[in-house]
Amino acid sequence: MLPRPMTTAPPTARPPSDPLTLHDAVRSALADAPLVGVVRTSDRDEAARRARLFRAGGVRLIEITFTVPGATELVGELLAERDESHDEAGAPGHRIGMGTVTTPERARAALAAGAEFVVTPNASPRVAEIVRRAGLFLIVGALTPTEIVEARELGADLVKVFPAPTAGGPAYLRAVRGPLGDVPMLASGGFGPEDIPAYREAGAGAFGIGDPLLGRTDEESLRRIAGAVALARTRPEEGAG
């Protein structure tokens, strides 16, 4: 059963955590389950429902995009719920971040809201500088080899190859990883859980998925989410044979 939503809205900002500890906590969560659950919808209540489904299904990194109405307030609410369960930085649990961070203004708003990691669809030097200065885990969007290298040079901990499916899917990712195999990459852009093995085989180390994780009912959604988490956790050698 999903957790009961809070009845009162929490503040949009929270006391800052130790950046190094928080950065390590996000990296650890990603290593445990390399799946980012992307919440992108124009309905605020639906966004909250999806985030809680992702959490209940075992997703360790939940990304609230700025396209969600009241996105920063929702981040504060989800963090307050998480903190009520005493999930401190560095302990097992889930992390809440913000996506579609395209401008310095959004970057600063994400930090003020308490975002624990930041995701961009593009390689913005100004956004990267703000996030890196704050010590947060940074996922930068890129597509071409030039953009991927630029994203890494900007300090991206992980480069989001986006939109991977329309660029050629796993075949495209495999091609760019030929010369850029030392760059850690997350595949994103609209594929479903069933495509995770193909993207992993092509060289993706993590996966960003949103709507395709959801079913017609909460129960179906939880099954799909849990299945996606299990697929993301499967190492290449475990899937062989």
Protein backbone atom coordinates (compact mmCIF):
# COMPACT_ATOMS: atom_id res chain seq x y z
CA MET A 1 0.00 0.00 0.00
CA LEU A 2 1.26 3.47 -0.86
CA PRO A 3 2.24 5.84 1.98
CA ARG A 4 -0.41 8.32 3.04
CA PRO A 5 0.27 11.79 1.58
CA MET A 6 1.14 14.55 3.99
CA THR A 7 -1.76 16.75 5.09
CA THR A 8 0.34 19.88 5.48
CA ALA A 9 2.79 21.31 3.00
CA PRO A 10 6.42 21.36 4.17
CA PRO A 11 8.73 24.28 3.53
CA THR A 12 10.33 24.43 0.08
CA ALA A 13 13.85 24.48 1.52
CA ARG A 14 15.57 22.27 4.05
CA PRO A 15 18.80 22.52 6.06
CA PRO A 16 21.78 21.80 3.79
CA SER A 17 23.47 18.42 4.09
CA ASP A 18 27.19 17.83 3.96
CA PRO A 19 27.76 18.02 0.14
CA LEU A 20 30.41 15.31 0.13
CA THR A 21 28.28 12.93 2.17
CA LEU A 22 25.21 13.61 0.05
CA HIS A 23 27.15 13.22 -3.20
CA ASP A 24 28.43 9.85 -2.02
CA ALA A 25 24.92 8.82 -0.93
CA VAL A 26 23.52 9.51 -4.40
CA ARG A 27 26.41 7.67 -6.04
CA SER A 28 25.83 4.72 -3.72
CA ALA A 29 22.10 4.65 -4.47
CA LEU A 30 22.81 4.70 -8.19
CA ALA A 31 25.34 1.89 -7.88
CA ASP A 32 22.80 -0.21 -5.98
CA ALA A 33 19.95 0.34 -8.46
CA PRO A 34 21.03 2.27 -11.59
CA LEU A 35 17.52 3.42 -12.49
CA VAL A 36 16.28 7.01 -12.34
CA GLY A 37 12.49 7.26 -12.10
CA VAL A 38 11.50 10.36 -14.07
CA VAL A 39 8.35 12.20 -12.96
CA ARG A 40 7.11 14.40 -15.82
CA THR A 41 3.45 15.39 -15.93
CA SER A 42 1.36 18.57 -16.03
CA ASP A 43 -0.74 17.42 -13.04
CA ARG A 44 0.78 18.07 -9.64
CA ASP A 45 -1.26 15.44 -7.79
CA GLU A 46 -0.42 12.86 -10.44
CA ALA A 47 3.25 13.75 -10.07
CA ALA A 48 3.08 13.09 -6.33
CA ARG A 49 1.33 9.77 -6.95
CA ARG A 50 4.00 8.68 -9.45
CA ALA A 51 6.84 9.65 -7.13
CA ARG A 52 5.33 7.59 -4.32
CA LEU A 53 4.82 4.63 -6.64
CA PHE A 54 8.46 4.82 -7.72
CA ARG A 55 9.52 4.94 -4.09
CA ALA A 56 7.31 2.01 -3.12
CA GLY A 57 8.57 0.00 -6.10
CA GLY A 58 12.19 0.31 -5.02
CA VAL A 59 13.50 3.13 -7.22
CA ARG A 60 16.47 4.71 -5.46
CA LEU A 61 16.70 7.97 -7.49
CA ILE A 62 13.50 9.90 -8.19
CA GLU A 63 13.69 12.88 -10.53
CA ILE A 64 11.01 15.59 -10.32
CA THR A 65 11.18 17.69 -13.49
CA PHE A 66 10.55 21.41 -13.59
CA THR A 67 7.68 20.74 -16.00
CA VAL A 68 5.63 19.60 -12.98
CA PRO A 69 3.51 22.45 -11.53
CA GLY A 70 4.87 23.33 -8.09
CA ALA A 71 7.89 21.07 -8.65
CA THR A 72 10.04 22.62 -5.92
CA GLU A 73 7.25 22.37 -3.34
CA LEU A 74 6.72 18.72 -4.27
CA VAL A 75 10.42 18.03 -3.77
CA GLY A 76 10.19 19.55 -0.29
CA GLU A 77 7.14 17.42 0.50
CA LEU A 78 8.78 14.20 -0.64
CA LEU A 79 11.95 14.97 1.29
CA ALA A 80 9.92 15.67 4.44
CA GLU A 81 8.18 12.31 4.05
CA ARG A 82 11.53 10.60 3.59
CA ASP A 83 13.07 12.40 6.56
CA GLU A 84 10.16 11.36 8.77
CA SER A 85 11.33 7.78 8.24
CA HIS A 86 14.80 8.82 9.47
CA ASP A 87 16.50 8.11 6.14
CA GLU A 88 19.66 10.12 6.68
CA ALA A 89 22.22 10.94 3.97
CA GLY A 90 24.47 7.96 3.51
CA ALA A 91 21.89 5.44 4.76
CA PRO A 92 19.98 3.03 2.50
CA GLY A 93 16.94 4.68 0.96
CA HIS A 94 15.91 6.85 -1.94
CA ARG A 95 17.10 10.24 -3.14
CA ILE A 96 15.04 13.07 -4.59
CA GLY A 97 16.44 15.22 -7.38
CA MET A 98 15.24 17.72 -9.95
CA GLY A 99 15.32 17.50 -13.73
CA THR A 100 14.87 19.77 -16.75
CA VAL A 101 17.28 22.15 -15.03
CA THR A 102 18.00 24.33 -18.06
CA THR A 103 18.83 27.70 -16.52
CA PRO A 104 20.85 29.11 -13.61
CA GLU A 105 17.55 30.24 -12.07
CA ARG A 106 16.24 26.69 -12.07
CA ALA A 107 19.53 25.39 -10.70
CA ARG A 108 19.35 27.78 -7.77
CA ALA A 109 15.68 26.93 -7.20
CA ALA A 110 16.52 23.22 -7.16
CA LEU A 111 19.22 23.79 -4.56
CA ALA A 112 16.88 25.90 -2.42
CA ALA A 113 14.24 23.17 -2.59
CA GLY A 114 16.73 20.64 -1.22
CA ALA A 115 17.27 18.63 -4.41
CA GLU A 116 19.88 15.91 -3.79
CA PHE A 117 20.94 15.56 -7.40
CA VAL A 118 20.37 17.55 -10.58
CA VAL A 119 19.57 16.40 -14.12
CA THR A 120 19.77 18.56 -17.24
CA PRO A 121 18.67 17.83 -20.83
CA ASN A 122 21.59 19.84 -22.21
CA ALA A 123 25.17 20.82 -21.44
CA SER A 124 24.95 24.25 -19.82
CA PRO A 125 28.23 25.57 -18.38
CA ARG A 126 26.42 28.00 -16.06
CA VAL A 127 24.10 25.34 -14.65
CA ALA A 128 26.98 22.89 -14.23
CA GLU A 129 29.04 25.47 -12.36
CA ILE A 130 26.25 26.18 -9.86
CA VAL A 131 25.56 22.51 -9.20
CA ARG A 132 29.21 21.51 -8.95
CA ARG A 133 29.95 24.40 -6.60
CA ALA A 134 27.18 23.09 -4.33
CA GLY A 135 28.75 19.63 -4.40
CA LEU A 136 25.69 17.81 -5.74
CA PHE A 137 25.67 14.79 -8.03
CA LEU A 138 25.25 16.07 -11.59
CA ILE A 139 23.72 14.27 -14.58
CA VAL A 140 24.14 16.26 -17.79
CA GLY A 141 22.21 15.62 -20.99
CA ALA A 142 24.03 15.27 -24.33
CA LEU A 143 23.63 13.43 -27.61
CA THR A 144 26.50 13.83 -30.05
CA PRO A 145 30.08 12.76 -29.29
CA THR A 146 31.08 16.44 -29.05
CA GLU A 147 28.30 17.16 -26.55
CA ILE A 148 29.08 14.04 -24.51
CA VAL A 149 32.72 15.03 -24.13
CA GLU A 150 31.69 18.62 -23.30
CA ALA A 151 29.29 17.38 -20.62
CA ARG A 152 32.04 15.35 -19.02
CA GLU A 153 34.43 18.31 -19.14
CA LEU A 154 31.80 20.41 -17.36
CA GLY A 155 32.03 18.00 -14.43
CA ALA A 156 29.12 15.65 -15.08
CA ASP A 157 29.22 12.61 -12.83
CA LEU A 158 27.05 10.85 -15.39
CA VAL A 159 26.21 11.82 -18.98
CA LYS A 160 22.57 11.34 -20.00
CA VAL A 161 22.45 10.27 -23.65
CA PHE A 162 19.17 11.89 -24.67
CA PRO A 163 17.02 11.17 -26.56
CA ALA A 164 18.64 7.79 -27.11
CA PRO A 165 15.73 5.97 -28.84
CA THR A 166 15.20 8.52 -31.61
CA ALA A 167 18.95 8.76 -32.23
CA GLY A 168 19.19 5.05 -33.01
CA GLY A 169 18.66 3.33 -29.68
CA PRO A 170 21.19 0.78 -28.40
CA ALA A 171 22.97 0.74 -31.77
CA TYR A 172 23.68 4.47 -31.49
CA LEU A 173 24.85 4.16 -27.90
CA ARG A 174 27.16 1.31 -28.84
CA ALA A 175 28.64 3.41 -31.66
CA VAL A 176 29.40 6.46 -29.50
CA ARG A 177 30.81 4.31 -26.71
CA GLY A 178 33.38 2.95 -29.13
CA PRO A 179 35.62 6.03 -28.81
CA LEU A 180 34.05 7.25 -25.54
CA GLY A 181 33.99 4.10 -23.46
CA ASP A 182 35.52 5.85 -20.47
CA VAL A 183 32.52 8.18 -20.09
CA PRO A 184 29.80 6.86 -17.72
CA MET A 185 26.48 7.08 -19.56
CA LEU A 186 22.80 6.95 -18.68
CA ALA A 187 20.38 6.10 -21.49
CA SER A 188 17.15 8.10 -21.51
CA GLY A 189 14.43 9.36 -23.77
CA GLY A 190 11.31 7.19 -23.87
CA PHE A 191 12.19 3.49 -23.89
CA GLY A 192 10.57 0.93 -21.59
CA PRO A 193 11.85 -1.51 -18.96
CA GLU A 194 12.00 -4.31 -21.53
CA ASP A 195 14.72 -2.36 -23.37
CA ILE A 196 17.07 -2.14 -20.38
CA PRO A 197 19.07 -5.29 -21.28
CA ALA A 198 19.75 -4.02 -24.81
CA TYR A 199 20.93 -0.63 -23.55
CA ARG A 200 23.09 -2.28 -20.90
CA GLU A 201 24.69 -4.53 -23.52
CA ALA A 202 25.36 -1.40 -25.60
CA GLY A 203 27.26 0.15 -22.69
CA ALA A 204 24.77 2.13 -20.60
CA GLY A 205 25.56 2.10 -16.90
CA ALA A 206 22.22 3.57 -15.84
CA PHE A 207 18.73 4.13 -17.21
CA GLY A 208 16.24 7.01 -17.01
CA ILE A 209 12.61 5.94 -17.42
CA GLY A 210 9.32 7.68 -16.66
CA ASP A 211 5.88 6.96 -18.12
CA PRO A 212 6.76 3.45 -19.40
CA LEU A 213 7.16 2.33 -15.79
CA LEU A 214 3.46 2.90 -15.17
CA GLY A 215 0.55 0.51 -15.70
CA ARG A 216 -3.21 0.88 -15.71
CA THR A 217 -3.47 0.37 -11.95
CA ASP A 218 -1.20 1.04 -8.99
CA GLU A 219 -0.69 -2.70 -8.56
CA GLU A 220 0.38 -3.12 -12.18
CA SER A 221 2.63 -0.07 -11.88
CA LEU A 222 4.34 -1.49 -8.80
CA ARG A 223 5.00 -4.75 -10.61
CA ARG A 224 6.47 -2.94 -13.61
CA ILE A 225 8.60 -0.68 -11.42
CA ALA A 226 9.93 -3.56 -9.32
CA GLY A 227 10.69 -5.51 -12.48
CA ALA A 228 12.57 -2.54 -13.96
CA VAL A 229 14.61 -2.15 -10.78
CA ALA A 230 15.52 -5.84 -10.93
CA LEU A 231 16.55 -5.54 -14.59
CA ALA A 232 18.63 -2.44 -13.87
CA ARG A 233 20.40 -4.25 -11.05
CA THR A 234 21.30 -7.24 -13.24
CA ARG A 235 24.97 -7.13 -14.13
CA PRO A 236 26.03 -8.09 -17.68
CA GLU A 237 27.63 -11.35 -16.54
CA GLU A 238 24.44 -12.28 -14.65
CA GLY A 239 22.39 -12.00 -17.82
CA ALA A 240 24.73 -14.14 -19.86
CA GLY A 241 23.90 -17.70 -20.83
